[in-house]
Amino acid sequence: LLLITVMANSGAGIAHAMSKIPVIGTIAEIVTFRHYENSENNMDAD
């Protein structure tokens, strides 16, 4: 269970799947992300 708790902090998919497991202490996790992409006149952003 402690290993699962550590895994839950490692990625959004795992964190979501493990969200109902009780843990001790503060949990910080990446829950989602957005992606800004643009390309104009050989000027690119990712």
PDB file of all heavy atoms in Angstrom:
ATOM      1  N   LEU A   1       0.828  -1.209   0.000  1.00  0.00           N
ATOM      2  CA  LEU A   1       0.000   0.000   0.000  1.00  0.00           C
ATOM      3  C   LEU A   1       0.858   1.252   0.000  1.00  0.00           C
ATOM      4  O   LEU A   1       0.556   2.225  -0.702  1.00  0.00           O
ATOM      5  CB  LEU A   1      -0.922  -0.010   1.214  1.00  0.00           C
ATOM      6  CG  LEU A   1      -1.820   1.229   1.397  1.00  0.00           C
ATOM      7  CD1 LEU A   1      -2.701   1.415   0.175  1.00  0.00           C
ATOM      8  CD2 LEU A   1      -2.675   1.079   2.630  1.00  0.00           C
ATOM      9  N   LEU A   2       1.965   1.245   0.759  1.00  0.00           N
ATOM     10  CA  LEU A   2       2.863   2.392   0.766  1.00  0.00           C
ATOM     11  C   LEU A   2       3.478   2.591  -0.606  1.00  0.00           C
ATOM     12  O   LEU A   2       3.641   3.720  -1.072  1.00  0.00           O
ATOM     13  CB  LEU A   2       3.968   2.192   1.811  1.00  0.00           C
ATOM     14  CG  LEU A   2       3.509   2.251   3.270  1.00  0.00           C
ATOM     15  CD1 LEU A   2       4.682   1.971   4.195  1.00  0.00           C
ATOM     16  CD2 LEU A   2       2.887   3.590   3.593  1.00  0.00           C
ATOM     17  N   LEU A   3       3.819   1.489  -1.308  1.00  0.00           N
ATOM     18  CA  LEU A   3       4.373   1.589  -2.646  1.00  0.00           C
ATOM     19  C   LEU A   3       3.358   2.190  -3.596  1.00  0.00           C
ATOM     20  O   LEU A   3       3.677   3.055  -4.409  1.00  0.00           O
ATOM     21  CB  LEU A   3       4.803   0.205  -3.130  1.00  0.00           C
ATOM     22  CG  LEU A   3       5.312   0.129  -4.580  1.00  0.00           C
ATOM     23  CD1 LEU A   3       6.531   1.027  -4.760  1.00  0.00           C
ATOM     24  CD2 LEU A   3       5.632  -1.303  -4.951  1.00  0.00           C
ATOM     25  N   ILE A   4       2.099   1.768  -3.486  1.00  0.00           N
ATOM     26  CA  ILE A   4       1.038   2.320  -4.326  1.00  0.00           C
ATOM     27  C   ILE A   4       0.880   3.807  -4.085  1.00  0.00           C
ATOM     28  O   ILE A   4       0.687   4.595  -5.004  1.00  0.00           O
ATOM     29  CB  ILE A   4      -0.283   1.578  -4.051  1.00  0.00           C
ATOM     30  CG1 ILE A   4      -0.196   0.137  -4.588  1.00  0.00           C
ATOM     31  CG2 ILE A   4      -1.465   2.289  -4.715  1.00  0.00           C
ATOM     32  CD1 ILE A   4      -1.348  -0.746  -4.176  1.00  0.00           C
ATOM     33  N   THR A   5       0.992   4.240  -2.829  1.00  0.00           N
ATOM     34  CA  THR A   5       0.871   5.656  -2.486  1.00  0.00           C
ATOM     35  C   THR A   5       1.955   6.462  -3.175  1.00  0.00           C
ATOM     36  O   THR A   5       1.700   7.543  -3.701  1.00  0.00           O
ATOM     37  CB  THR A   5       0.983   5.839  -0.962  1.00  0.00           C
ATOM     38  OG1 THR A   5      -0.087   5.121  -0.348  1.00  0.00           O
ATOM     39  CG2 THR A   5       0.852   7.312  -0.594  1.00  0.00           C
ATOM     40  N   VAL A   6       3.190   5.942  -3.211  1.00  0.00           N
ATOM     41  CA  VAL A   6       4.284   6.623  -3.902  1.00  0.00           C
ATOM     42  C   VAL A   6       3.998   6.685  -5.390  1.00  0.00           C
ATOM     43  O   VAL A   6       4.171   7.709  -6.039  1.00  0.00           O
ATOM     44  CB  VAL A   6       5.622   5.891  -3.630  1.00  0.00           C
ATOM     45  CG1 VAL A   6       6.731   6.500  -4.479  1.00  0.00           C
ATOM     46  CG2 VAL A   6       5.988   6.005  -2.156  1.00  0.00           C
ATOM     47  N   MET A   7       3.511   5.550  -5.964  1.00  0.00           N
ATOM     48  CA  MET A   7       3.201   5.527  -7.386  1.00  0.00           C
ATOM     49  C   MET A   7       2.138   6.547  -7.741  1.00  0.00           C
ATOM     50  O   MET A   7       2.154   7.148  -8.807  1.00  0.00           O
ATOM     51  CB  MET A   7       2.735   4.127  -7.793  1.00  0.00           C
ATOM     52  CG  MET A   7       3.819   3.072  -7.772  1.00  0.00           C
ATOM     53  SD  MET A   7       3.140   1.427  -8.048  1.00  0.00           S
ATOM     54  CE  MET A   7       2.425   1.619  -9.667  1.00  0.00           C
ATOM     55  N   ALA A   8       1.202   6.762  -6.831  1.00  0.00           N
ATOM     56  CA  ALA A   8       0.098   7.687  -7.100  1.00  0.00           C
ATOM     57  C   ALA A   8       0.580   9.095  -7.317  1.00  0.00           C
ATOM     58  O   ALA A   8      -0.091   9.896  -7.950  1.00  0.00           O
ATOM     59  CB  ALA A   8      -0.905   7.662  -5.950  1.00  0.00           C
ATOM     60  N   ASN A   9       1.760   9.434  -6.824  1.00  0.00           N
ATOM     61  CA  ASN A   9       2.316  10.777  -7.008  1.00  0.00           C
ATOM     62  C   ASN A   9       3.094  10.892  -8.310  1.00  0.00           C
ATOM     63  O   ASN A   9       3.586  11.952  -8.648  1.00  0.00           O
ATOM     64  CB  ASN A   9       3.253  11.124  -5.853  1.00  0.00           C
ATOM     65  CG  ASN A   9       2.487  11.381  -4.585  1.00  0.00           C
ATOM     66  OD1 ASN A   9       1.365  11.859  -4.628  1.00  0.00           O
ATOM     67  ND2 ASN A   9       3.077  11.055  -3.463  1.00  0.00           N
ATOM     68  N   SER A  10       3.251   9.794  -9.048  1.00  0.00           N
ATOM     69  CA  SER A  10       4.166   9.784 -10.173  1.00  0.00           C
ATOM     70  C   SER A  10       3.517  10.129 -11.500  1.00  0.00           C
ATOM     71  O   SER A  10       4.208  10.418 -12.464  1.00  0.00           O
ATOM     72  CB  SER A  10       4.839   8.408 -10.283  1.00  0.00           C
ATOM     73  OG  SER A  10       5.533   8.119  -9.092  1.00  0.00           O
ATOM     74  N   GLY A  11       2.197  10.075 -11.608  1.00  0.00           N
ATOM     75  CA  GLY A  11       1.573  10.391 -12.869  1.00  0.00           C
ATOM     76  C   GLY A  11       0.076  10.554 -12.729  1.00  0.00           C
ATOM     77  O   GLY A  11      -0.543  10.007 -11.821  1.00  0.00           O
ATOM     78  N   ALA A  12      -0.536  11.297 -13.662  1.00  0.00           N
ATOM     79  CA  ALA A  12      -1.954  11.596 -13.552  1.00  0.00           C
ATOM     80  C   ALA A  12      -2.804  10.345 -13.645  1.00  0.00           C
ATOM     81  O   ALA A  12      -3.772  10.177 -12.905  1.00  0.00           O
ATOM     82  CB  ALA A  12      -2.351  12.592 -14.650  1.00  0.00           C
ATOM     83  N   GLY A  13      -2.471   9.420 -14.565  1.00  0.00           N
ATOM     84  CA  GLY A  13      -3.262   8.216 -14.734  1.00  0.00           C
ATOM     85  C   GLY A  13      -3.253   7.342 -13.508  1.00  0.00           C
ATOM     86  O   GLY A  13      -4.297   6.888 -13.031  1.00  0.00           O
ATOM     87  N   ILE A  14      -2.068   7.090 -12.960  1.00  0.00           N
ATOM     88  CA  ILE A  14      -1.949   6.266 -11.767  1.00  0.00           C
ATOM     89  C   ILE A  14      -2.616   6.956 -10.592  1.00  0.00           C
ATOM     90  O   ILE A  14      -3.310   6.336  -9.795  1.00  0.00           O
ATOM     91  CB  ILE A  14      -0.469   5.982 -11.457  1.00  0.00           C
ATOM     92  CG1 ILE A  14       0.149   5.156 -12.594  1.00  0.00           C
ATOM     93  CG2 ILE A  14      -0.316   5.236 -10.150  1.00  0.00           C
ATOM     94  CD1 ILE A  14       1.629   4.917 -12.446  1.00  0.00           C
ATOM     95  N   ALA A  15      -2.410   8.264 -10.472  1.00  0.00           N
ATOM     96  CA  ALA A  15      -2.991   8.998  -9.346  1.00  0.00           C
ATOM     97  C   ALA A  15      -4.501   8.897  -9.365  1.00  0.00           C
ATOM     98  O   ALA A  15      -5.135   8.727  -8.328  1.00  0.00           O
ATOM     99  CB  ALA A  15      -2.552  10.464  -9.406  1.00  0.00           C
ATOM    100  N   HIS A  16      -5.101   8.993 -10.548  1.00  0.00           N
ATOM    101  CA  HIS A  16      -6.551   8.916 -10.637  1.00  0.00           C
ATOM    102  C   HIS A  16      -7.043   7.533 -10.227  1.00  0.00           C
ATOM    103  O   HIS A  16      -8.026   7.398  -9.496  1.00  0.00           O
ATOM    104  CB  HIS A  16      -7.007   9.225 -12.064  1.00  0.00           C
ATOM    105  CG  HIS A  16      -8.482   9.115 -12.264  1.00  0.00           C
ATOM    106  ND1 HIS A  16      -9.369  10.054 -11.783  1.00  0.00           N
ATOM    107  CD2 HIS A  16      -9.233   8.156 -12.871  1.00  0.00           C
ATOM    108  CE1 HIS A  16     -10.601   9.696 -12.092  1.00  0.00           C
ATOM    109  NE2 HIS A  16     -10.540   8.543 -12.748  1.00  0.00           N
ATOM    110  N   ALA A  17      -6.348   6.489 -10.687  1.00  0.00           N
ATOM    111  CA  ALA A  17      -6.760   5.129 -10.374  1.00  0.00           C
ATOM    112  C   ALA A  17      -6.658   4.823  -8.900  1.00  0.00           C
ATOM    113  O   ALA A  17      -7.413   4.028  -8.355  1.00  0.00           O
ATOM    114  CB  ALA A  17      -5.907   4.145 -11.173  1.00  0.00           C
ATOM    115  N   MET A  18      -5.703   5.447  -8.216  1.00  0.00           N
ATOM    116  CA  MET A  18      -5.471   5.162  -6.811  1.00  0.00           C
ATOM    117  C   MET A  18      -6.116   6.189  -5.878  1.00  0.00           C
ATOM    118  O   MET A  18      -5.850   6.191  -4.686  1.00  0.00           O
ATOM    119  CB  MET A  18      -3.956   5.149  -6.546  1.00  0.00           C
ATOM    120  CG  MET A  18      -3.211   4.109  -7.363  1.00  0.00           C
ATOM    121  SD  MET A  18      -3.852   2.441  -7.047  1.00  0.00           S
ATOM    122  CE  MET A  18      -2.888   1.507  -8.237  1.00  0.00           C
ATOM    123  N   SER A  19      -6.976   7.039  -6.397  1.00  0.00           N
ATOM    124  CA  SER A  19      -7.461   8.180  -5.610  1.00  0.00           C
ATOM    125  C   SER A  19      -8.263   7.788  -4.382  1.00  0.00           C
ATOM    126  O   SER A  19      -8.409   8.582  -3.462  1.00  0.00           O
ATOM    127  CB  SER A  19      -8.316   9.083  -6.498  1.00  0.00           C
ATOM    128  OG  SER A  19      -9.443   8.373  -6.979  1.00  0.00           O
ATOM    129  N   LYS A  20      -8.801   6.550  -4.337  1.00  0.00           N
ATOM    130  CA  LYS A  20      -9.628   6.163  -3.204  1.00  0.00           C
ATOM    131  C   LYS A  20      -8.849   5.455  -2.100  1.00  0.00           C
ATOM    132  O   LYS A  20      -9.427   5.050  -1.096  1.00  0.00           O
ATOM    133  CB  LYS A  20     -10.759   5.262  -3.697  1.00  0.00           C
ATOM    134  CG  LYS A  20     -11.747   5.988  -4.613  1.00  0.00           C
ATOM    135  CD  LYS A  20     -12.907   5.100  -4.997  1.00  0.00           C
ATOM    136  CE  LYS A  20     -13.891   5.837  -5.869  1.00  0.00           C
ATOM    137  NZ  LYS A  20     -15.046   4.981  -6.257  1.00  0.00           N
ATOM    138  N   ILE A  21      -7.541   5.263  -2.277  1.00  0.00           N
ATOM    139  CA  ILE A  21      -6.740   4.590  -1.264  1.00  0.00           C
ATOM    140  C   ILE A  21      -6.385   5.574  -0.162  1.00  0.00           C
ATOM    141  O   ILE A  21      -5.860   6.652  -0.438  1.00  0.00           O
ATOM    142  CB  ILE A  21      -5.450   4.013  -1.889  1.00  0.00           C
ATOM    143  CG1 ILE A  21      -5.828   2.923  -2.890  1.00  0.00           C
ATOM    144  CG2 ILE A  21      -4.528   3.464  -0.825  1.00  0.00           C
ATOM    145  CD1 ILE A  21      -4.655   2.337  -3.623  1.00  0.00           C
ATOM    146  N   PRO A  22      -6.651   5.241   1.103  1.00  0.00           N
ATOM    147  CA  PRO A  22      -6.332   6.166   2.198  1.00  0.00           C
ATOM    148  C   PRO A  22      -4.838   6.287   2.398  1.00  0.00           C
ATOM    149  O   PRO A  22      -4.110   5.306   2.308  1.00  0.00           O
ATOM    150  CB  PRO A  22      -6.999   5.506   3.422  1.00  0.00           C
ATOM    151  CG  PRO A  22      -7.042   4.053   3.070  1.00  0.00           C
ATOM    152  CD  PRO A  22      -7.269   4.004   1.585  1.00  0.00           C
ATOM    153  N   VAL A  23      -4.359   7.491   2.641  1.00  0.00           N
ATOM    154  CA  VAL A  23      -2.934   7.729   2.840  1.00  0.00           C
ATOM    155  C   VAL A  23      -2.732   8.608   4.061  1.00  0.00           C
ATOM    156  O   VAL A  23      -3.657   9.234   4.550  1.00  0.00           O
ATOM    157  CB  VAL A  23      -2.301   8.413   1.606  1.00  0.00           C
ATOM    158  CG1 VAL A  23      -2.321   7.490   0.405  1.00  0.00           C
ATOM    159  CG2 VAL A  23      -3.033   9.708   1.282  1.00  0.00           C
ATOM    160  N   ILE A  24      -1.505   8.631   4.556  1.00  0.00           N
ATOM    161  CA  ILE A  24      -1.167   9.446   5.716  1.00  0.00           C
ATOM    162  C   ILE A  24      -0.293  10.607   5.268  1.00  0.00           C
ATOM    163  O   ILE A  24       0.691  10.411   4.568  1.00  0.00           O
ATOM    164  CB  ILE A  24      -0.431   8.606   6.769  1.00  0.00           C
ATOM    165  CG1 ILE A  24      -1.363   7.489   7.265  1.00  0.00           C
ATOM    166  CG2 ILE A  24       0.031   9.464   7.935  1.00  0.00           C
ATOM    167  CD1 ILE A  24      -0.709   6.521   8.201  1.00  0.00           C
ATOM    168  N   GLY A  25      -0.631  11.827   5.680  1.00  0.00           N
ATOM    169  CA  GLY A  25       0.149  12.996   5.324  1.00  0.00           C
ATOM    170  C   GLY A  25      -0.357  13.626   4.039  1.00  0.00           C
ATOM    171  O   GLY A  25      -1.257  13.131   3.371  1.00  0.00           O
ATOM    172  N   THR A  26       0.261  14.755   3.684  1.00  0.00           N
ATOM    173  CA  THR A  26      -0.140  15.484   2.485  1.00  0.00           C
ATOM    174  C   THR A  26       0.264  14.729   1.229  1.00  0.00           C
ATOM    175  O   THR A  26       1.346  14.177   1.142  1.00  0.00           O
ATOM    176  CB  THR A  26       0.518  16.874   2.482  1.00  0.00           C
ATOM    177  OG1 THR A  26       0.044  17.600   3.604  1.00  0.00           O
ATOM    178  CG2 THR A  26       0.184  17.637   1.213  1.00  0.00           C
ATOM    179  N   ILE A  27      -0.628  14.726   0.250  1.00  0.00           N
ATOM    180  CA  ILE A  27      -0.332  14.143  -1.054  1.00  0.00           C
ATOM    181  C   ILE A  27      -0.314  15.267  -2.082  1.00  0.00           C
ATOM    182  O   ILE A  27      -1.247  16.065  -2.156  1.00  0.00           O
ATOM    183  CB  ILE A  27      -1.395  13.101  -1.447  1.00  0.00           C
ATOM    184  CG1 ILE A  27      -1.143  11.776  -0.734  1.00  0.00           C
ATOM    185  CG2 ILE A  27      -1.391  12.869  -2.951  1.00  0.00           C
ATOM    186  CD1 ILE A  27       0.041  11.006  -1.247  1.00  0.00           C
ATOM    187  N   ALA A  28       0.748  15.333  -2.871  1.00  0.00           N
ATOM    188  CA  ALA A  28       0.817  16.287  -3.976  1.00  0.00           C
ATOM    189  C   ALA A  28       0.972  15.478  -5.258  1.00  0.00           C
ATOM    190  O   ALA A  28       1.743  14.533  -5.308  1.00  0.00           O
ATOM    191  CB  ALA A  28       2.009  17.228  -3.800  1.00  0.00           C
ATOM    192  N   GLU A  29       0.194  15.841  -6.273  1.00  0.00           N
ATOM    193  CA  GLU A  29       0.226  15.051  -7.497  1.00  0.00           C
ATOM    194  C   GLU A  29      -0.115  15.916  -8.704  1.00  0.00           C
ATOM    195  O   GLU A  29      -0.788  16.938  -8.588  1.00  0.00           O
ATOM    196  CB  GLU A  29      -0.762  13.885  -7.395  1.00  0.00           C
ATOM    197  CG  GLU A  29      -2.193  14.327  -7.095  1.00  0.00           C
ATOM    198  CD  GLU A  29      -3.101  13.183  -6.689  1.00  0.00           C
ATOM    199  OE1 GLU A  29      -2.594  12.067  -6.500  1.00  0.00           O
ATOM    200  OE2 GLU A  29      -4.309  13.421  -6.550  1.00  0.00           O
ATOM    201  N   ILE A  30       0.375  15.479  -9.862  1.00  0.00           N
ATOM    202  CA  ILE A  30       0.013  16.111 -11.130  1.00  0.00           C
ATOM    203  C   ILE A  30      -1.308  15.483 -11.561  1.00  0.00           C
ATOM    204  O   ILE A  30      -1.389  14.269 -11.733  1.00  0.00           O
ATOM    205  CB  ILE A  30       1.078  15.848 -12.203  1.00  0.00           C
ATOM    206  CG1 ILE A  30       2.433  16.232 -11.687  1.00  0.00           C
ATOM    207  CG2 ILE A  30       0.685  16.537 -13.504  1.00  0.00           C
ATOM    208  CD1 ILE A  30       2.934  17.557 -11.967  1.00  0.00           C
ATOM    209  N   VAL A  31      -2.345  16.264 -11.719  1.00  0.00           N
ATOM    210  CA  VAL A  31      -3.647  15.701 -12.052  1.00  0.00           C
ATOM    211  C   VAL A  31      -3.996  15.853 -13.537  1.00  0.00           C
ATOM    212  O   VAL A  31      -4.791  15.084 -14.069  1.00  0.00           O
ATOM    213  CB  VAL A  31      -4.755  16.319 -11.181  1.00  0.00           C
ATOM    214  CG1 VAL A  31      -4.583  15.891  -9.740  1.00  0.00           C
ATOM    215  CG2 VAL A  31      -4.777  17.840 -11.281  1.00  0.00           C
ATOM    216  N   THR A  32      -3.425  16.849 -14.194  1.00  0.00           N
ATOM    217  CA  THR A  32      -3.683  17.027 -15.620  1.00  0.00           C
ATOM    218  C   THR A  32      -2.671  18.034 -16.175  1.00  0.00           C
ATOM    219  O   THR A  32      -1.905  18.637 -15.425  1.00  0.00           O
ATOM    220  CB  THR A  32      -5.108  17.549 -15.871  1.00  0.00           C
ATOM    221  OG1 THR A  32      -5.360  17.574 -17.289  1.00  0.00           O
ATOM    222  CG2 THR A  32      -5.289  18.952 -15.316  1.00  0.00           C
ATOM    223  N   PHE A  33      -2.641  18.195 -17.483  1.00  0.00           N
ATOM    224  CA  PHE A  33      -1.816  19.256 -18.065  1.00  0.00           C
ATOM    225  C   PHE A  33      -2.416  19.677 -19.402  1.00  0.00           C
ATOM    226  O   PHE A  33      -3.150  18.928 -20.036  1.00  0.00           O
ATOM    227  CB  PHE A  33      -0.360  18.799 -18.236  1.00  0.00           C
ATOM    228  CG  PHE A  33      -0.111  17.919 -19.430  1.00  0.00           C
ATOM    229  CD1 PHE A  33       0.315  18.456 -20.636  1.00  0.00           C
ATOM    230  CD2 PHE A  33      -0.303  16.538 -19.358  1.00  0.00           C
ATOM    231  CE1 PHE A  33       0.550  17.645 -21.739  1.00  0.00           C
ATOM    232  CE2 PHE A  33      -0.079  15.722 -20.447  1.00  0.00           C
ATOM    233  CZ  PHE A  33       0.347  16.278 -21.643  1.00  0.00           C
ATOM    234  N   ARG A  34      -2.128  20.909 -19.776  1.00  0.00           N
ATOM    235  CA  ARG A  34      -2.540  21.378 -21.094  1.00  0.00           C
ATOM    236  C   ARG A  34      -1.285  21.648 -21.914  1.00  0.00           C
ATOM    237  O   ARG A  34      -0.181  21.816 -21.373  1.00  0.00           O
ATOM    238  CB  ARG A  34      -3.421  22.618 -21.003  1.00  0.00           C
ATOM    239  CG  ARG A  34      -2.790  23.850 -20.431  1.00  0.00           C
ATOM    240  CD  ARG A  34      -3.841  24.962 -20.274  1.00  0.00           C
ATOM    241  NE  ARG A  34      -3.282  26.179 -19.726  1.00  0.00           N
ATOM    242  CZ  ARG A  34      -2.791  27.177 -20.473  1.00  0.00           C
ATOM    243  NH1 ARG A  34      -2.794  27.075 -21.786  1.00  0.00           N
ATOM    244  NH2 ARG A  34      -2.314  28.263 -19.898  1.00  0.00           N
ATOM    245  N   HIS A  35      -1.469  21.675 -23.217  1.00  0.00           N
ATOM    246  CA  HIS A  35      -0.333  21.730 -24.128  1.00  0.00           C
ATOM    247  C   HIS A  35      -0.520  22.899 -25.094  1.00  0.00           C
ATOM    248  O   HIS A  35      -1.483  22.935 -25.860  1.00  0.00           O
ATOM    249  CB  HIS A  35      -0.257  20.404 -24.898  1.00  0.00           C
ATOM    250  CG  HIS A  35       1.044  20.173 -25.565  1.00  0.00           C
ATOM    251  ND1 HIS A  35       1.341  19.012 -26.236  1.00  0.00           N
ATOM    252  CD2 HIS A  35       2.150  20.951 -25.672  1.00  0.00           C
ATOM    253  CE1 HIS A  35       2.564  19.081 -26.731  1.00  0.00           C
ATOM    254  NE2 HIS A  35       3.071  20.256 -26.402  1.00  0.00           N
ATOM    255  N   TYR A  36       0.376  23.868 -25.022  1.00  0.00           N
ATOM    256  CA  TYR A  36       0.330  24.993 -25.954  1.00  0.00           C
ATOM    257  C   TYR A  36       1.341  24.719 -27.073  1.00  0.00           C
ATOM    258  O   TYR A  36       2.537  24.555 -26.828  1.00  0.00           O
ATOM    259  CB  TYR A  36       0.699  26.293 -25.248  1.00  0.00           C
ATOM    260  CG  TYR A  36       0.788  27.502 -26.169  1.00  0.00           C
ATOM    261  CD1 TYR A  36      -0.325  28.308 -26.392  1.00  0.00           C
ATOM    262  CD2 TYR A  36       1.980  27.829 -26.802  1.00  0.00           C
ATOM    263  CE1 TYR A  36      -0.255  29.410 -27.229  1.00  0.00           C
ATOM    264  CE2 TYR A  36       2.063  28.930 -27.639  1.00  0.00           C
ATOM    265  CZ  TYR A  36       0.950  29.723 -27.857  1.00  0.00           C
ATOM    266  OH  TYR A  36       1.030  30.810 -28.693  1.00  0.00           O
ATOM    267  N   GLU A  37       0.844  24.659 -28.294  1.00  0.00           N
ATOM    268  CA  GLU A  37       1.708  24.455 -29.455  1.00  0.00           C
ATOM    269  C   GLU A  37       1.370  25.495 -30.520  1.00  0.00           C
ATOM    270  O   GLU A  37       0.197  25.814 -30.738  1.00  0.00           O
ATOM    271  CB  GLU A  37       1.515  23.055 -30.047  1.00  0.00           C
ATOM    272  CG  GLU A  37       2.024  21.914 -29.195  1.00  0.00           C
ATOM    273  CD  GLU A  37       1.843  20.576 -29.881  1.00  0.00           C
ATOM    274  OE1 GLU A  37       0.679  20.083 -29.901  1.00  0.00           O
ATOM    275  OE2 GLU A  37       2.825  20.028 -30.411  1.00  0.00           O
ATOM    276  N   ASN A  38       2.401  26.003 -31.181  1.00  0.00           N
ATOM    277  CA  ASN A  38       2.173  26.967 -32.241  1.00  0.00           C
ATOM    278  C   ASN A  38       3.384  26.981 -33.167  1.00  0.00           C
ATOM    279  O   ASN A  38       4.524  26.745 -32.740  1.00  0.00           O
ATOM    280  CB  ASN A  38       1.951  28.371 -31.670  1.00  0.00           C
ATOM    281  CG  ASN A  38       1.425  29.325 -32.725  1.00  0.00           C
ATOM    282  OD1 ASN A  38       0.310  29.171 -33.205  1.00  0.00           O
ATOM    283  ND2 ASN A  38       2.233  30.310 -33.106  1.00  0.00           N
ATOM    284  N   SER A  39       3.122  27.243 -34.439  1.00  0.00           N
ATOM    285  CA  SER A  39       4.207  27.337 -35.417  1.00  0.00           C
ATOM    286  C   SER A  39       3.830  28.348 -36.490  1.00  0.00           C
ATOM    287  O   SER A  39       2.821  28.175 -37.190  1.00  0.00           O
ATOM    288  CB  SER A  39       4.470  25.968 -36.056  1.00  0.00           C
ATOM    289  OG  SER A  39       5.534  26.042 -36.974  1.00  0.00           O
ATOM    290  N   GLU A  40       4.610  29.423 -36.554  1.00  0.00           N
ATOM    291  CA  GLU A  40       4.379  30.461 -37.558  1.00  0.00           C
ATOM    292  C   GLU A  40       5.714  30.993 -38.043  1.00  0.00           C
ATOM    293  O   GLU A  40       6.572  31.367 -37.243  1.00  0.00           O
ATOM    294  CB  GLU A  40       3.566  31.634 -36.968  1.00  0.00           C
ATOM    295  CG  GLU A  40       2.146  31.299 -36.561  1.00  0.00           C
ATOM    296  CD  GLU A  40       1.397  32.523 -36.061  1.00  0.00           C
ATOM    297  OE1 GLU A  40       1.517  33.583 -36.712  1.00  0.00           O
ATOM    298  OE2 GLU A  40       0.738  32.425 -35.011  1.00  0.00           O
ATOM    299  N   ASN A  41       5.879  31.032 -39.374  1.00  0.00           N
ATOM    300  CA  ASN A  41       7.076  31.640 -39.976  1.00  0.00           C
ATOM    301  C   ASN A  41       8.378  31.138 -39.344  1.00  0.00           C
ATOM    302  O   ASN A  41       9.261  31.912 -39.001  1.00  0.00           O
ATOM    303  CB  ASN A  41       7.004  33.172 -39.870  1.00  0.00           C
ATOM    304  CG  ASN A  41       5.832  33.744 -40.636  1.00  0.00           C
ATOM    305  OD1 ASN A  41       5.387  33.170 -41.637  1.00  0.00           O
ATOM    306  ND2 ASN A  41       5.306  34.858 -40.152  1.00  0.00           N
ATOM    307  N   ASN A  42       8.457  29.826 -39.175  1.00  0.00           N
ATOM    308  CA  ASN A  42       9.658  29.202 -38.611  1.00  0.00           C
ATOM    309  C   ASN A  42       9.908  29.612 -37.154  1.00  0.00           C
ATOM    310  O   ASN A  42      11.034  29.614 -36.678  1.00  0.00           O
ATOM    311  CB  ASN A  42      10.893  29.543 -39.457  1.00  0.00           C
ATOM    312  CG  ASN A  42      12.008  28.526 -39.275  1.00  0.00           C
ATOM    313  OD1 ASN A  42      11.736  27.345 -39.021  1.00  0.00           O
ATOM    314  ND2 ASN A  42      13.252  28.967 -39.364  1.00  0.00           N
ATOM    315  N   MET A  43       8.829  29.978 -36.466  1.00  0.00           N
ATOM    316  CA  MET A  43       8.898  30.300 -35.051  1.00  0.00           C
ATOM    317  C   MET A  43       7.960  29.336 -34.317  1.00  0.00           C
ATOM    318  O   MET A  43       6.735  29.372 -34.523  1.00  0.00           O
ATOM    319  CB  MET A  43       8.500  31.758 -34.800  1.00  0.00           C
ATOM    320  CG  MET A  43       9.386  32.750 -35.562  1.00  0.00           C
ATOM    321  SD  MET A  43       8.853  34.482 -35.389  1.00  0.00           S
ATOM    322  CE  MET A  43       9.435  34.841 -33.729  1.00  0.00           C
ATOM    323  N   ASP A  44       8.540  28.463 -33.509  1.00  0.00           N
ATOM    324  CA  ASP A  44       7.788  27.350 -32.926  1.00  0.00           C
ATOM    325  C   ASP A  44       7.754  27.430 -31.408  1.00  0.00           C
ATOM    326  O   ASP A  44       8.720  27.860 -30.759  1.00  0.00           O
ATOM    327  CB  ASP A  44       8.419  26.006 -33.332  1.00  0.00           C
ATOM    328  CG  ASP A  44       8.525  25.864 -34.841  1.00  0.00           C
ATOM    329  OD1 ASP A  44       7.522  26.098 -35.525  1.00  0.00           O
ATOM    330  OD2 ASP A  44       9.636  25.519 -35.329  1.00  0.00           O
ATOM    331  N   ALA A  45       6.627  26.970 -30.849  1.00  0.00           N
ATOM    332  CA  ALA A  45       6.482  26.894 -29.400  1.00  0.00           C
ATOM    333  C   ALA A  45       5.879  25.547 -29.030  1.00  0.00           C
ATOM    334  O   ALA A  45       4.931  25.075 -29.670  1.00  0.00           O
ATOM    335  CB  ALA A  45       5.605  28.027 -28.872  1.00  0.00           C
ATOM    336  N   ASP A  46       6.418  24.938 -27.996  1.00  0.00           N
ATOM    337  CA  ASP A  46       5.926  23.650 -27.487  1.00  0.00           C
ATOM    338  C   ASP A  46       6.012  23.724 -25.966  1.00  0.00           C
ATOM    339  O   ASP A  46       7.068  23.509 -25.381  1.00  0.00           O
ATOM    340  CB  ASP A  46       6.781  22.504 -28.036  1.00  0.00           C
ATOM    341  CG  ASP A  46       6.261  21.146 -27.607  1.00  0.00           C
ATOM    342  OD1 ASP A  46       5.264  21.086 -26.870  1.00  0.00           O
ATOM    343  OD2 ASP A  46       6.873  20.118 -27.989  1.00  0.00           O
TER     344      ASP A  46
END
